[in-house]
Amino acid sequence: MRIVAGKHRGRTLRAPEGRDVRPTSDRARQTLFDMLSHRKFGEANFEFEGVRVADVFCGTGALGLEALSRGAEHAVFIDIDRKAIEAARENAKTLGEERRATFLQIDATRPPRCDNPCALIFLDPPYRSGLAGKALAALADKDWFAPGAIATVEIAATEDLAPPEGFEILTERRVGAAKIAILRYGGA
C-alpha cells in the first residue's frame, strides 16, 4: 500500500497484522481522490491545500495521509481499535507528518465536540456494519463538519447508504468490491 500522489507519492504505508483492518485499496483510493479533484463541487473542484480533514474508521490512516500529501493542513485520525491508531500514528511518523496529525481512539458514533470543523471527512467503516449513517449523524451533531463540507463514504458495493438529515449524495461510484459515495453537508 502506497501514497498515490503529492509530496509523499510512492511512499509505503504499514498495515497492522491480522484481518481486523481492511485498508482501502490503492485503486479505490486513487478513484476517490480523482473524484474529489476532478468533479466540481459548487463553483470549483475540491482543493486540498490548507484544509482540515478527518479520517474516520482510519485503519492505516491512508486516506488522511493521502490528503496531507496533497496539501491538507491537518488530519484527525479516528478509530476505536488501538492497533489501527498505532498503525496510523506510525505511518504519520514515517512520513514526517506527526505534527500535522491528531489521533483519537474513540467510537466514531460517539465523538467528542469538535472546535475546529473539517472541510473533508473520510469514512471507511467495516463493510455491512451499518455504521456509516450513524457516524455521519454523530459527527454532524458534534460540529465536525464545516459549512458545505464534503464527506466520502466507502461501503461494500452491495450496500446502500441512506444519508442522515443535512447530507446530500452528490455522486456514487463502484470500484471493485467497494462503493464510494461523495456527500455534501449542508447542516440540519
Foldseek 3Di string as FASTA:
>chain_A
DAQPDAPRHPDDADADDDDPADDDDPQNLVVVVCCQQPDQQPPGGDQLAAWEEEEALCGQVNNVVSSVRRHHQAYEYEELDPRSLVRNCVRCVVVVNNVRYHYDNDDLLADAADPRAGQEYEEEDAAPPPCPQSSQVNCLVRRNHDAFHKYKYKYFPPDDDDHDPQKDWPDWDDDVRIIITMITGHHD
